Structure formats: structure tokens, C-alpha cells
Amino acid sequence: MKTTKTVQINHIAVWILIVFNMMLNFVWYSPSFFQNDWMRLLGKTSQEFENSGLMRYVVLFVSSAITIYTLAWLFKQLQIKTFYKGVFYALIIWFGFSFCEILYIDKNELRHYGLTWINAGRSLVAFVISGFLLGFWNRFSETKIPDVPPLTPEQPADQNR
């Protein structure tokens, strides 16, 4: 009897990536990285963000969880089991769904290209790291499922005996 291997969602990897995505957001938009340029391009001040409340962090957590679980599910369906393929597919998904959407929204709202590159850059880093980790860890989350031969109806007894 041969067995078929199927990839399962690696929940530990997903939760590590959710935490990573939140930390990346805090670092990316910090004064040490892009906060000053980002706020200038948005036309906002740091006081506006300080008074914005916790809802933006709740949205960050929920959207990160949905995005990473969706990516993990897609990788499962595609049977991606190497970090090379993980990064490759993450780049394609980022470009086709994230970058193009950010570009369209920013241009539609007449925002500066610099804002597009700052926001899309954070998204790119998140997708590449997610693709790498999910692709790498997927090879350790395989389940063997036995191949079961199809059931055949019982043959009727020969009545001419």
C-alpha cells in the first residue's frame, strides 16, 4: 500500500509570522525607519497617531492573521514545501494582489509615489519572510494518508452452477 503526503497548515509558523508582522509594522513606521517621511507624505502629525486609539492595532492583528492564514492555506493547496518556492509564490502574490492594489489606491487618491513605496515595501518584506518560513516549515508538516483502493461492488454469485 502506498501513501500520499499532504501538507498541513503549520499553526506555529503562522503565529510566529503574525507576531513578526506586527513587530515589522512597529519598526517600519518608527522614527528610525520611515515614520518621518511616511507622516510627511500623508500630511499627518505624530500627535494624530498618538490619539488614534487601539483600534488600528486590533485591525493590524486581525488583518495580519487573516493574510498569513490565507497564505498558509494557499501554500497547502499548492503543496509548497521549499523556501525557494515559498518566496517565489509570495513575491507573485505580493505583486499581483498587494503592490498593485496599494499602487492603484494611492494613485486614485493622488498620493505621492514615495508613500506607495513605503507601504508596499513593508508589505513586500512581510510576504517574503512569510513565504520563506511557510515554505521551509511546510516540509516538516506533512501527513501521510494511505492510498485506499476504491471499493468494488460484490460480484453476484454465479447462478448456473
N, C-alpha and C. Protein backbone atom coordinates (compact mmCIF):
# COMPACT_ATOMS: atom_id res chain seq x y z
N MET A 1 0.84 -1.16 0.00
CA MET A 1 0.00 0.00 0.00
C MET A 1 0.90 1.24 0.00
N LYS A 2 0.68 2.11 -0.96
CA LYS A 2 1.48 3.33 -0.99
C LYS A 2 0.73 4.44 -0.23
N THR A 3 1.48 5.46 0.14
CA THR A 3 0.88 6.57 0.88
C THR A 3 1.07 7.87 0.11
N THR A 4 0.17 8.80 0.33
CA THR A 4 0.25 10.12 -0.26
C THR A 4 0.58 11.10 0.85
N LYS A 5 1.51 12.02 0.58
CA LYS A 5 1.85 13.04 1.56
C LYS A 5 1.04 14.29 1.27
N THR A 6 0.50 14.89 2.30
CA THR A 6 -0.22 16.13 2.15
C THR A 6 0.31 17.13 3.19
N VAL A 7 0.40 18.37 2.80
CA VAL A 7 0.91 19.42 3.68
C VAL A 7 -0.24 19.92 4.55
N GLN A 8 0.03 20.10 5.82
CA GLN A 8 -0.93 20.66 6.75
C GLN A 8 -0.50 22.09 7.09
N ILE A 9 -1.44 22.91 7.52
CA ILE A 9 -1.08 24.27 7.94
C ILE A 9 -0.27 24.17 9.22
N ASN A 10 0.86 24.81 9.23
CA ASN A 10 1.73 24.83 10.39
C ASN A 10 1.34 26.04 11.25
N HIS A 11 0.50 25.80 12.26
CA HIS A 11 -0.04 26.88 13.07
C HIS A 11 1.04 27.61 13.86
N ILE A 12 2.08 26.90 14.27
CA ILE A 12 3.17 27.56 14.99
C ILE A 12 3.84 28.59 14.08
N ALA A 13 4.12 28.20 12.85
CA ALA A 13 4.73 29.13 11.89
C ALA A 13 3.81 30.32 11.63
N VAL A 14 2.52 30.07 11.52
CA VAL A 14 1.57 31.15 11.26
C VAL A 14 1.58 32.15 12.41
N TRP A 15 1.53 31.66 13.64
CA TRP A 15 1.50 32.58 14.79
C TRP A 15 2.83 33.32 14.96
N ILE A 16 3.93 32.68 14.65
CA ILE A 16 5.23 33.39 14.66
C ILE A 16 5.19 34.52 13.62
N LEU A 17 4.62 34.25 12.46
CA LEU A 17 4.55 35.26 11.41
C LEU A 17 3.59 36.39 11.75
N ILE A 18 2.52 36.09 12.47
CA ILE A 18 1.60 37.15 12.90
C ILE A 18 2.33 38.10 13.84
N VAL A 19 3.05 37.55 14.80
CA VAL A 19 3.83 38.38 15.74
C VAL A 19 4.91 39.16 14.97
N PHE A 20 5.59 38.47 14.04
CA PHE A 20 6.62 39.14 13.23
C PHE A 20 6.02 40.29 12.44
N ASN A 21 4.86 40.07 11.84
CA ASN A 21 4.22 41.10 11.03
C ASN A 21 3.88 42.33 11.87
N MET A 22 3.42 42.11 13.09
CA MET A 22 3.11 43.24 13.97
C MET A 22 4.39 43.98 14.38
N MET A 23 5.44 43.22 14.70
CA MET A 23 6.71 43.86 15.06
C MET A 23 7.29 44.62 13.86
N LEU A 24 7.20 44.02 12.67
CA LEU A 24 7.67 44.70 11.46
C LEU A 24 6.95 46.03 11.28
N ASN A 25 5.66 46.04 11.51
CA ASN A 25 4.89 47.26 11.36
C ASN A 25 5.39 48.35 12.31
N PHE A 26 5.63 47.98 13.57
CA PHE A 26 6.12 48.94 14.55
C PHE A 26 7.50 49.48 14.18
N VAL A 27 8.38 48.60 13.70
CA VAL A 27 9.73 49.02 13.33
C VAL A 27 9.70 49.84 12.04
N TRP A 28 8.95 49.38 11.03
CA TRP A 28 8.92 50.03 9.72
C TRP A 28 8.45 51.48 9.82
N TYR A 29 7.42 51.68 10.65
CA TYR A 29 6.85 53.02 10.79
C TYR A 29 7.37 53.74 12.03
N SER A 30 8.56 53.38 12.48
CA SER A 30 9.18 54.03 13.63
C SER A 30 10.03 55.20 13.15
N PRO A 31 10.41 56.10 14.07
CA PRO A 31 11.27 57.24 13.68
C PRO A 31 12.62 56.79 13.11
N SER A 32 13.09 55.61 13.48
CA SER A 32 14.37 55.11 12.98
C SER A 32 14.31 54.70 11.52
N PHE A 33 13.11 54.42 11.03
CA PHE A 33 12.99 53.99 9.64
C PHE A 33 12.19 55.01 8.82
N PHE A 34 10.91 54.78 8.62
CA PHE A 34 10.16 55.59 7.65
C PHE A 34 9.10 56.50 8.25
N GLN A 35 9.01 56.61 9.57
CA GLN A 35 7.92 57.37 10.18
C GLN A 35 7.87 58.82 9.68
N ASN A 36 9.00 59.51 9.69
CA ASN A 36 9.00 60.92 9.32
C ASN A 36 8.56 61.14 7.87
N ASP A 37 9.14 60.39 6.95
CA ASP A 37 8.75 60.52 5.54
C ASP A 37 7.30 60.10 5.33
N TRP A 38 6.91 59.02 5.97
CA TRP A 38 5.55 58.50 5.82
C TRP A 38 4.52 59.53 6.30
N MET A 39 4.74 60.10 7.48
CA MET A 39 3.81 61.10 8.01
C MET A 39 3.79 62.36 7.14
N ARG A 40 4.96 62.77 6.67
CA ARG A 40 5.03 63.95 5.81
C ARG A 40 4.24 63.73 4.53
N LEU A 41 4.41 62.53 3.91
CA LEU A 41 3.69 62.22 2.67
C LEU A 41 2.19 62.06 2.91
N LEU A 42 1.81 61.63 4.11
CA LEU A 42 0.39 61.53 4.46
C LEU A 42 -0.22 62.88 4.84
N GLY A 43 0.65 63.81 5.23
CA GLY A 43 0.16 65.09 5.72
C GLY A 43 -0.38 64.99 7.13
N LYS A 44 0.21 64.11 7.95
CA LYS A 44 -0.24 63.88 9.33
C LYS A 44 0.89 64.24 10.29
N THR A 45 0.50 64.35 11.57
CA THR A 45 1.49 64.60 12.62
C THR A 45 1.50 63.42 13.57
N SER A 46 2.56 63.32 14.36
CA SER A 46 2.66 62.21 15.31
C SER A 46 1.56 62.29 16.38
N GLN A 47 1.10 63.51 16.71
CA GLN A 47 0.02 63.65 17.69
C GLN A 47 -1.27 63.02 17.19
N GLU A 48 -1.52 63.10 15.90
CA GLU A 48 -2.73 62.48 15.35
C GLU A 48 -2.70 60.96 15.53
N PHE A 49 -1.54 60.37 15.39
CA PHE A 49 -1.41 58.92 15.56
C PHE A 49 -1.46 58.53 17.03
N GLU A 50 -0.90 59.38 17.89
CA GLU A 50 -0.92 59.08 19.32
C GLU A 50 -2.35 59.09 19.87
N ASN A 51 -3.22 59.89 19.29
CA ASN A 51 -4.59 60.00 19.76
C ASN A 51 -5.56 59.10 18.98
N SER A 52 -5.04 58.18 18.18
CA SER A 52 -5.90 57.37 17.31
C SER A 52 -6.52 56.17 18.02
N GLY A 53 -6.07 55.84 19.21
CA GLY A 53 -6.68 54.73 19.95
C GLY A 53 -6.10 53.38 19.57
N LEU A 54 -6.71 52.35 20.14
CA LEU A 54 -6.22 50.97 19.96
C LEU A 54 -6.79 50.27 18.74
N MET A 55 -7.82 50.82 18.13
CA MET A 55 -8.48 50.12 17.03
C MET A 55 -7.52 49.81 15.88
N ARG A 56 -6.59 50.68 15.59
CA ARG A 56 -5.67 50.40 14.48
C ARG A 56 -4.79 49.19 14.79
N TYR A 57 -4.50 48.93 16.08
CA TYR A 57 -3.71 47.76 16.44
C TYR A 57 -4.55 46.49 16.35
N VAL A 58 -5.82 46.60 16.68
CA VAL A 58 -6.74 45.46 16.54
C VAL A 58 -6.87 45.11 15.06
N VAL A 59 -7.02 46.12 14.22
CA VAL A 59 -7.12 45.89 12.78
C VAL A 59 -5.83 45.28 12.25
N LEU A 60 -4.68 45.76 12.71
CA LEU A 60 -3.39 45.21 12.31
C LEU A 60 -3.31 43.73 12.67
N PHE A 61 -3.69 43.37 13.89
CA PHE A 61 -3.64 41.97 14.33
C PHE A 61 -4.57 41.10 13.50
N VAL A 62 -5.82 41.51 13.36
CA VAL A 62 -6.81 40.71 12.63
C VAL A 62 -6.42 40.58 11.16
N SER A 63 -6.03 41.67 10.54
CA SER A 63 -5.67 41.59 9.11
C SER A 63 -4.40 40.76 8.91
N SER A 64 -3.45 40.84 9.84
CA SER A 64 -2.24 40.00 9.74
C SER A 64 -2.60 38.53 9.86
N ALA A 65 -3.46 38.21 10.81
CA ALA A 65 -3.87 36.81 10.99
C ALA A 65 -4.58 36.29 9.75
N ILE A 66 -5.49 37.06 9.20
CA ILE A 66 -6.23 36.63 8.00
C ILE A 66 -5.28 36.46 6.82
N THR A 67 -4.40 37.43 6.61
CA THR A 67 -3.47 37.36 5.47
C THR A 67 -2.55 36.15 5.58
N ILE A 68 -1.97 35.92 6.75
CA ILE A 68 -1.00 34.84 6.89
C ILE A 68 -1.68 33.48 6.87
N TYR A 69 -2.85 33.35 7.49
CA TYR A 69 -3.57 32.08 7.40
C TYR A 69 -4.01 31.81 5.95
N THR A 70 -4.39 32.85 5.23
CA THR A 70 -4.76 32.67 3.82
C THR A 70 -3.55 32.21 3.01
N LEU A 71 -2.41 32.83 3.25
CA LEU A 71 -1.18 32.42 2.56
C LEU A 71 -0.81 30.98 2.91
N ALA A 72 -0.93 30.62 4.19
CA ALA A 72 -0.63 29.24 4.61
C ALA A 72 -1.58 28.26 3.95
N TRP A 73 -2.86 28.61 3.87
CA TRP A 73 -3.84 27.72 3.22
C TRP A 73 -3.51 27.57 1.74
N LEU A 74 -3.16 28.68 1.09
CA LEU A 74 -2.82 28.62 -0.33
C LEU A 74 -1.57 27.77 -0.56
N PHE A 75 -0.58 27.92 0.30
CA PHE A 75 0.63 27.11 0.19
C PHE A 75 0.30 25.63 0.39
N LYS A 76 -0.64 25.35 1.27
CA LYS A 76 -1.08 23.96 1.49
C LYS A 76 -1.70 23.41 0.20
N GLN A 77 -2.57 24.20 -0.41
CA GLN A 77 -3.23 23.76 -1.63
C GLN A 77 -2.23 23.54 -2.78
N LEU A 78 -1.21 24.38 -2.83
CA LEU A 78 -0.20 24.29 -3.88
C LEU A 78 0.91 23.30 -3.55
N GLN A 79 0.87 22.72 -2.34
CA GLN A 79 1.87 21.76 -1.88
C GLN A 79 3.28 22.36 -1.93
N ILE A 80 3.42 23.60 -1.47
CA ILE A 80 4.72 24.27 -1.45
C ILE A 80 5.49 23.77 -0.24
N LYS A 81 6.66 23.16 -0.50
CA LYS A 81 7.44 22.52 0.57
C LYS A 81 8.89 22.98 0.63
N THR A 82 9.24 24.05 -0.09
CA THR A 82 10.61 24.56 -0.03
C THR A 82 10.55 26.07 0.15
N PHE A 83 11.60 26.61 0.76
CA PHE A 83 11.60 28.06 0.96
C PHE A 83 11.77 28.79 -0.37
N TYR A 84 12.42 28.16 -1.36
CA TYR A 84 12.55 28.80 -2.68
C TYR A 84 11.18 29.03 -3.30
N LYS A 85 10.37 27.97 -3.32
CA LYS A 85 9.03 28.10 -3.88
C LYS A 85 8.17 29.03 -3.02
N GLY A 86 8.37 28.97 -1.71
CA GLY A 86 7.62 29.84 -0.82
C GLY A 86 7.87 31.31 -1.13
N VAL A 87 9.13 31.67 -1.29
CA VAL A 87 9.48 33.05 -1.60
C VAL A 87 8.98 33.42 -2.99
N PHE A 88 9.15 32.52 -3.96
CA PHE A 88 8.70 32.79 -5.33
C PHE A 88 7.20 33.07 -5.37
N TYR A 89 6.40 32.19 -4.78
CA TYR A 89 4.95 32.39 -4.80
C TYR A 89 4.54 33.59 -3.95
N ALA A 90 5.23 33.84 -2.85
CA ALA A 90 4.92 35.01 -2.03
C ALA A 90 5.17 36.30 -2.83
N LEU A 91 6.25 36.32 -3.62
CA LEU A 91 6.53 37.50 -4.46
C LEU A 91 5.44 37.70 -5.51
N ILE A 92 5.01 36.63 -6.13
CA ILE A 92 3.95 36.73 -7.13
C ILE A 92 2.65 37.23 -6.48
N ILE A 93 2.31 36.66 -5.34
CA ILE A 93 1.09 37.06 -4.64
C ILE A 93 1.20 38.51 -4.18
N TRP A 94 2.35 38.90 -3.63
CA TRP A 94 2.55 40.28 -3.21
C TRP A 94 2.38 41.23 -4.37
N PHE A 95 3.04 40.95 -5.49
CA PHE A 95 2.98 41.86 -6.62
C PHE A 95 1.57 41.95 -7.18
N GLY A 96 0.94 40.80 -7.39
CA GLY A 96 -0.38 40.77 -8.03
C GLY A 96 -1.51 41.29 -7.17
N PHE A 97 -1.43 41.06 -5.87
CA PHE A 97 -2.54 41.43 -5.00
C PHE A 97 -2.25 42.62 -4.11
N SER A 98 -1.08 42.70 -3.54
CA SER A 98 -0.78 43.75 -2.58
C SER A 98 -0.23 45.01 -3.27
N PHE A 99 0.88 44.87 -3.98
CA PHE A 99 1.51 46.04 -4.59
C PHE A 99 0.58 46.74 -5.58
N CYS A 100 -0.02 45.98 -6.47
CA CYS A 100 -0.90 46.59 -7.47
C CYS A 100 -2.09 47.28 -6.82
N GLU A 101 -2.62 46.71 -5.75
CA GLU A 101 -3.74 47.33 -5.04
C GLU A 101 -3.30 48.61 -4.33
N ILE A 102 -2.16 48.57 -3.65
CA ILE A 102 -1.64 49.78 -2.98
C ILE A 102 -1.36 50.87 -4.02
N LEU A 103 -0.75 50.48 -5.15
CA LEU A 103 -0.44 51.45 -6.21
C LEU A 103 -1.71 52.09 -6.74
N TYR A 104 -2.71 51.28 -7.02
CA TYR A 104 -3.97 51.81 -7.55
C TYR A 104 -4.63 52.77 -6.55
N ILE A 105 -4.73 52.36 -5.29
CA ILE A 105 -5.38 53.20 -4.28
C ILE A 105 -4.62 54.52 -4.11
N ASP A 106 -3.30 54.43 -4.01
CA ASP A 106 -2.52 55.66 -3.83
C ASP A 106 -2.65 56.59 -5.04
N LYS A 107 -2.61 56.06 -6.23
CA LYS A 107 -2.73 56.92 -7.42
C LYS A 107 -4.15 57.46 -7.54
N ASN A 108 -5.14 56.67 -7.17
CA ASN A 108 -6.53 57.12 -7.23
C ASN A 108 -6.77 58.25 -6.22
N GLU A 109 -6.07 58.20 -5.08
CA GLU A 109 -6.21 59.24 -4.07
C GLU A 109 -5.16 60.35 -4.23
N LEU A 110 -4.47 60.33 -5.36
CA LEU A 110 -3.47 61.35 -5.72
C LEU A 110 -2.35 61.47 -4.69
N ARG A 111 -1.95 60.33 -4.17
CA ARG A 111 -0.85 60.30 -3.19
C ARG A 111 0.48 60.19 -3.91
N HIS A 112 1.51 60.57 -3.23
CA HIS A 112 2.88 60.58 -3.76
C HIS A 112 3.38 59.13 -3.92
N TYR A 113 4.20 58.90 -4.95
CA TYR A 113 4.78 57.56 -5.16
C TYR A 113 5.62 57.10 -3.97
N GLY A 114 6.23 58.03 -3.27
CA GLY A 114 7.03 57.67 -2.11
C GLY A 114 6.21 56.94 -1.05
N LEU A 115 4.98 57.38 -0.87
CA LEU A 115 4.08 56.71 0.09
C LEU A 115 3.78 55.29 -0.38
N THR A 116 3.58 55.13 -1.67
CA THR A 116 3.34 53.79 -2.23
C THR A 116 4.53 52.88 -1.94
N TRP A 117 5.74 53.37 -2.15
CA TRP A 117 6.92 52.54 -1.96
C TRP A 117 7.15 52.21 -0.49
N ILE A 118 6.84 53.16 0.41
CA ILE A 118 6.99 52.87 1.84
C ILE A 118 6.02 51.78 2.26
N ASN A 119 4.75 51.94 1.90
CA ASN A 119 3.73 50.95 2.30
C ASN A 119 3.93 49.61 1.61
N ALA A 120 4.21 49.64 0.32
CA ALA A 120 4.42 48.40 -0.42
C ALA A 120 5.70 47.70 0.00
N GLY A 121 6.70 48.47 0.42
CA GLY A 121 7.95 47.88 0.90
C GLY A 121 7.74 47.06 2.17
N ARG A 122 6.94 47.59 3.09
CA ARG A 122 6.63 46.84 4.30
C ARG A 122 5.89 45.56 3.96
N SER A 123 4.95 45.69 3.05
CA SER A 123 4.18 44.52 2.61
C SER A 123 5.09 43.50 1.93
N LEU A 124 6.03 43.97 1.12
CA LEU A 124 6.98 43.07 0.45
C LEU A 124 7.80 42.28 1.46
N VAL A 125 8.35 42.95 2.45
CA VAL A 125 9.15 42.27 3.47
C VAL A 125 8.30 41.23 4.19
N ALA A 126 7.07 41.60 4.55
CA ALA A 126 6.18 40.67 5.26
C ALA A 126 5.88 39.44 4.41
N PHE A 127 5.60 39.63 3.12
CA PHE A 127 5.28 38.49 2.25
C PHE A 127 6.50 37.61 2.01
N VAL A 128 7.67 38.21 1.78
CA VAL A 128 8.87 37.40 1.52
C VAL A 128 9.24 36.56 2.74
N ILE A 129 9.23 37.16 3.93
CA ILE A 129 9.55 36.41 5.15
C ILE A 129 8.50 35.33 5.38
N SER A 130 7.24 35.66 5.16
CA SER A 130 6.16 34.67 5.34
C SER A 130 6.32 33.52 4.34
N GLY A 131 6.60 33.84 3.09
CA GLY A 131 6.81 32.80 2.09
C GLY A 131 7.98 31.91 2.42
N PHE A 132 9.07 32.53 2.89
CA PHE A 132 10.26 31.76 3.27
C PHE A 132 9.93 30.80 4.40
N LEU A 133 9.35 31.32 5.48
CA LEU A 133 9.10 30.49 6.66
C LEU A 133 8.04 29.42 6.40
N LEU A 134 6.96 29.80 5.74
CA LEU A 134 5.92 28.80 5.45
C LEU A 134 6.43 27.73 4.49
N GLY A 135 7.16 28.14 3.47
CA GLY A 135 7.71 27.17 2.53
C GLY A 135 8.70 26.23 3.20
N PHE A 136 9.55 26.79 4.05
CA PHE A 136 10.55 25.99 4.75
C PHE A 136 9.90 25.02 5.74
N TRP A 137 8.97 25.52 6.53
CA TRP A 137 8.36 24.68 7.57
C TRP A 137 7.30 23.73 7.03
N ASN A 138 6.79 23.97 5.84
CA ASN A 138 5.78 23.06 5.30
C ASN A 138 6.32 21.66 5.08
N ARG A 139 7.60 21.54 4.80
CA ARG A 139 8.15 20.19 4.59
C ARG A 139 8.18 19.39 5.88
N PHE A 140 8.07 20.07 7.02
CA PHE A 140 8.04 19.38 8.31
C PHE A 140 6.61 19.13 8.79
N SER A 141 5.62 19.57 8.03
CA SER A 141 4.24 19.43 8.48
C SER A 141 3.42 18.58 7.51
N GLU A 142 4.06 17.52 7.01
CA GLU A 142 3.36 16.62 6.10
C GLU A 142 2.67 15.51 6.89
N THR A 143 1.55 15.09 6.37
CA THR A 143 0.82 13.97 6.95
C THR A 143 0.72 12.90 5.88
N LYS A 144 0.99 11.66 6.27
CA LYS A 144 0.87 10.56 5.31
C LYS A 144 -0.55 10.02 5.36
N ILE A 145 -1.15 9.95 4.19
CA ILE A 145 -2.50 9.41 4.07
C ILE A 145 -2.41 8.17 3.21
N PRO A 146 -2.86 7.02 3.72
CA PRO A 146 -2.75 5.80 2.91
C PRO A 146 -3.68 5.86 1.69
N ASP A 147 -3.18 5.32 0.60
CA ASP A 147 -3.98 5.18 -0.61
C ASP A 147 -4.90 3.99 -0.41
N VAL A 148 -6.17 4.22 -0.42
CA VAL A 148 -7.14 3.14 -0.23
C VAL A 148 -7.71 2.80 -1.59
N PRO A 149 -7.64 1.52 -1.97
CA PRO A 149 -8.20 1.16 -3.27
C PRO A 149 -9.71 1.39 -3.26
N PRO A 150 -10.27 1.76 -4.41
CA PRO A 150 -11.71 2.00 -4.45
C PRO A 150 -12.49 0.73 -4.14
N LEU A 151 -13.61 0.92 -3.50
CA LEU A 151 -14.47 -0.22 -3.19
C LEU A 151 -15.16 -0.68 -4.46
N THR A 152 -15.24 -1.99 -4.62
CA THR A 152 -15.96 -2.54 -5.78
C THR A 152 -17.16 -3.30 -5.26
N PRO A 153 -18.26 -3.22 -5.97
CA PRO A 153 -19.44 -3.97 -5.51
C PRO A 153 -19.15 -5.47 -5.58
N GLU A 154 -19.72 -6.18 -4.66
CA GLU A 154 -19.51 -7.65 -4.67
C GLU A 154 -20.08 -8.25 -5.94
N GLN A 155 -19.34 -9.20 -6.44
CA GLN A 155 -19.79 -9.87 -7.66
C GLN A 155 -20.92 -10.84 -7.29
N PRO A 156 -22.00 -10.84 -8.05
CA PRO A 156 -23.08 -11.78 -7.76
C PRO A 156 -22.61 -13.23 -7.96
N ALA A 157 -23.09 -14.06 -7.12
CA ALA A 157 -22.74 -15.49 -7.21
C ALA A 157 -23.23 -16.03 -8.56
N ASP A 158 -22.41 -16.89 -9.14
CA ASP A 158 -22.79 -17.50 -10.42
C ASP A 158 -23.98 -18.43 -10.21
N GLN A 159 -25.10 -18.16 -10.84
CA GLN A 159 -26.32 -18.92 -10.61
C GLN A 159 -26.39 -20.17 -11.48
N ASN A 160 -25.51 -20.37 -12.41
CA ASN A 160 -25.57 -21.52 -13.30
C ASN A 160 -24.75 -22.68 -12.79
N ARG A 161 -24.43 -22.75 -11.58
CA ARG A 161 -23.60 -23.84 -11.07
C ARG A 161 -24.41 -25.02 -10.77
